[in-house]
């Protein structure tokens, strides 16, 4: 079993979202258009890529 301190935010988010259930099948009021929703998703992807790149470079630096 994974220790609590090693859980990522996404794993924690996935565990808690199942308990809350969906708030409804309608579109969220957070975004005015599909384009804004896509931009927000791209922003999250860039953040994940940046975080992964930093971790990858740290692992390389640790080995040498």
N, C-alpha and C. Protein backbone atom coordinates (compact mmCIF):
# COMPACT_ATOMS: atom_id res chain seq x y z
N UNK A 1 0.83 -1.18 0.00
CA UNK A 1 0.00 0.00 0.00
C UNK A 1 0.88 1.25 0.00
N UNK A 2 0.46 2.24 -0.73
CA UNK A 2 1.24 3.46 -0.84
C UNK A 2 1.10 4.31 0.42
N UNK A 3 2.22 4.81 0.86
CA UNK A 3 2.20 5.69 2.03
C UNK A 3 1.49 6.98 1.69
N UNK A 4 0.85 7.57 2.67
CA UNK A 4 0.08 8.78 2.44
C UNK A 4 0.93 9.93 1.94
N UNK A 5 2.13 10.07 2.44
CA UNK A 5 2.94 11.23 2.07
C UNK A 5 3.45 11.15 0.64
N UNK A 6 3.39 9.98 0.02
CA UNK A 6 3.84 9.83 -1.35
C UNK A 6 2.71 9.94 -2.36
N UNK A 7 1.49 10.12 -1.92
CA UNK A 7 0.37 10.26 -2.86
C UNK A 7 0.46 11.61 -3.55
N UNK A 8 0.18 11.61 -4.82
CA UNK A 8 0.17 12.86 -5.56
C UNK A 8 -1.17 13.55 -5.40
N UNK A 9 -1.21 14.80 -5.81
CA UNK A 9 -2.45 15.56 -5.72
C UNK A 9 -3.52 14.94 -6.61
N UNK A 10 -3.14 14.44 -7.77
CA UNK A 10 -4.13 13.86 -8.68
C UNK A 10 -4.74 12.60 -8.09
N UNK A 11 -3.95 11.78 -7.40
CA UNK A 11 -4.50 10.58 -6.78
C UNK A 11 -5.48 10.96 -5.68
N UNK A 12 -5.13 11.98 -4.91
CA UNK A 12 -6.01 12.44 -3.84
C UNK A 12 -7.30 12.98 -4.44
N UNK A 13 -7.18 13.75 -5.52
CA UNK A 13 -8.34 14.34 -6.17
C UNK A 13 -9.25 13.25 -6.72
N UNK A 14 -8.67 12.20 -7.30
CA UNK A 14 -9.47 11.11 -7.85
C UNK A 14 -10.22 10.37 -6.76
N UNK A 15 -9.58 10.17 -5.63
CA UNK A 15 -10.24 9.47 -4.54
C UNK A 15 -11.42 10.25 -3.99
N UNK A 16 -11.25 11.56 -3.83
CA UNK A 16 -12.32 12.35 -3.23
C UNK A 16 -13.44 12.66 -4.21
N UNK A 17 -13.14 12.73 -5.51
CA UNK A 17 -14.19 13.08 -6.47
C UNK A 17 -15.24 11.98 -6.59
N UNK A 18 -14.87 10.74 -6.34
CA UNK A 18 -15.83 9.65 -6.41
C UNK A 18 -16.90 9.74 -5.33
N UNK A 19 -16.52 10.26 -4.20
CA UNK A 19 -17.47 10.39 -3.09
C UNK A 19 -18.47 11.51 -3.34
N UNK A 20 -17.99 12.57 -3.96
CA UNK A 20 -18.86 13.73 -4.16
C UNK A 20 -19.87 13.50 -5.27
N UNK A 21 -19.51 12.72 -6.23
CA UNK A 21 -20.40 12.48 -7.36
C UNK A 21 -20.40 13.65 -8.33
N UNK A 22 -21.06 13.47 -9.42
CA UNK A 22 -21.12 14.55 -10.40
C UNK A 22 -22.16 15.56 -9.98
N UNK A 23 -21.88 16.79 -10.27
CA UNK A 23 -22.78 17.88 -9.89
C UNK A 23 -23.89 18.06 -10.91
N UNK A 24 -23.91 17.26 -11.92
CA UNK A 24 -24.93 17.36 -12.95
C UNK A 24 -24.28 17.19 -14.31
N UNK A 25 -25.06 16.86 -15.29
CA UNK A 25 -24.50 16.59 -16.60
C UNK A 25 -24.37 17.86 -17.44
N UNK A 26 -24.81 18.99 -16.92
CA UNK A 26 -24.73 20.23 -17.69
C UNK A 26 -23.30 20.75 -17.70
N UNK A 27 -23.03 21.61 -18.65
CA UNK A 27 -21.70 22.20 -18.76
C UNK A 27 -21.41 23.11 -17.58
N UNK A 28 -20.16 23.16 -17.19
CA UNK A 28 -19.76 24.00 -16.07
C UNK A 28 -19.89 25.47 -16.43
N UNK A 29 -20.23 26.28 -15.45
CA UNK A 29 -20.32 27.73 -15.64
C UNK A 29 -18.94 28.38 -15.56
N UNK A 30 -17.91 27.58 -15.27
CA UNK A 30 -16.56 28.11 -15.13
C UNK A 30 -16.03 28.65 -16.46
N UNK A 31 -16.39 28.03 -17.56
CA UNK A 31 -15.90 28.42 -18.87
C UNK A 31 -17.05 28.93 -19.72
N UNK A 32 -16.78 29.99 -20.48
CA UNK A 32 -17.80 30.56 -21.34
C UNK A 32 -17.90 29.84 -22.67
N UNK A 33 -16.80 29.19 -23.09
CA UNK A 33 -16.82 28.53 -24.39
C UNK A 33 -15.93 27.28 -24.34
N UNK A 34 -16.05 26.48 -25.38
CA UNK A 34 -15.20 25.30 -25.50
C UNK A 34 -13.74 25.71 -25.65
N UNK A 35 -13.52 26.83 -26.33
CA UNK A 35 -12.15 27.31 -26.54
C UNK A 35 -11.48 27.64 -25.20
N UNK A 36 -12.20 28.32 -24.31
CA UNK A 36 -11.63 28.64 -23.00
C UNK A 36 -11.36 27.36 -22.20
N UNK A 37 -12.25 26.39 -22.31
CA UNK A 37 -12.05 25.12 -21.62
C UNK A 37 -10.80 24.42 -22.15
N UNK A 38 -10.63 24.44 -23.48
CA UNK A 38 -9.46 23.82 -24.10
C UNK A 38 -8.17 24.53 -23.69
N UNK A 39 -8.21 25.86 -23.60
CA UNK A 39 -7.03 26.61 -23.16
C UNK A 39 -6.66 26.25 -21.72
N UNK A 40 -7.66 26.11 -20.88
CA UNK A 40 -7.39 25.74 -19.49
C UNK A 40 -6.78 24.33 -19.43
N UNK A 41 -7.29 23.42 -20.24
CA UNK A 41 -6.74 22.07 -20.28
C UNK A 41 -5.30 22.08 -20.78
N UNK A 42 -5.03 22.87 -21.80
CA UNK A 42 -3.66 22.98 -22.33
C UNK A 42 -2.72 23.55 -21.26
N UNK A 43 -3.22 24.51 -20.50
CA UNK A 43 -2.42 25.09 -19.43
C UNK A 43 -2.05 24.03 -18.40
N UNK A 44 -3.02 23.17 -18.04
CA UNK A 44 -2.73 22.09 -17.10
C UNK A 44 -1.72 21.11 -17.68
N UNK A 45 -1.83 20.82 -18.97
CA UNK A 45 -0.88 19.90 -19.62
C UNK A 45 0.53 20.50 -19.58
N UNK A 46 0.65 21.79 -19.89
CA UNK A 46 1.96 22.44 -19.85
C UNK A 46 2.56 22.39 -18.45
N UNK A 47 1.73 22.59 -17.43
CA UNK A 47 2.23 22.52 -16.05
C UNK A 47 2.74 21.13 -15.74
N UNK A 48 2.00 20.09 -16.18
CA UNK A 48 2.44 18.71 -15.94
C UNK A 48 3.74 18.42 -16.67
N UNK A 49 3.85 18.89 -17.92
CA UNK A 49 5.08 18.67 -18.67
C UNK A 49 6.26 19.37 -18.01
N UNK A 50 6.04 20.59 -17.56
CA UNK A 50 7.11 21.33 -16.89
C UNK A 50 7.55 20.61 -15.63
N UNK A 51 6.58 20.15 -14.84
CA UNK A 51 6.90 19.44 -13.61
C UNK A 51 7.65 18.14 -13.90
N UNK A 52 7.22 17.41 -14.92
CA UNK A 52 7.89 16.17 -15.29
C UNK A 52 9.30 16.41 -15.80
N UNK A 53 9.48 17.49 -16.55
CA UNK A 53 10.82 17.81 -17.06
C UNK A 53 11.76 18.16 -15.93
N UNK A 54 11.28 18.92 -14.97
CA UNK A 54 12.12 19.29 -13.83
C UNK A 54 12.49 18.05 -13.04
N UNK A 55 11.54 17.15 -12.84
CA UNK A 55 11.83 15.91 -12.11
C UNK A 55 12.83 15.06 -12.89
N UNK A 56 12.66 14.99 -14.21
CA UNK A 56 13.56 14.20 -15.05
C UNK A 56 14.98 14.75 -14.98
N UNK A 57 15.12 16.07 -15.09
CA UNK A 57 16.45 16.68 -15.01
C UNK A 57 17.07 16.46 -13.63
N UNK A 58 16.25 16.51 -12.60
CA UNK A 58 16.76 16.24 -11.26
C UNK A 58 17.27 14.82 -11.12
N UNK A 59 16.57 13.87 -11.73
CA UNK A 59 17.02 12.48 -11.68
C UNK A 59 18.34 12.30 -12.42
N UNK A 60 18.48 12.97 -13.56
CA UNK A 60 19.74 12.89 -14.30
C UNK A 60 20.87 13.50 -13.48
N UNK A 61 20.60 14.67 -12.89
CA UNK A 61 21.62 15.33 -12.07
C UNK A 61 22.01 14.50 -10.86
N UNK A 62 21.08 13.77 -10.32
CA UNK A 62 21.36 12.95 -9.15
C UNK A 62 22.26 11.78 -9.51
N UNK A 63 22.15 11.29 -10.75
CA UNK A 63 22.94 10.13 -11.16
C UNK A 63 24.38 10.50 -11.47
N UNK A 64 24.64 11.76 -11.81
CA UNK A 64 26.01 12.15 -12.22
C UNK A 64 26.65 13.09 -11.26
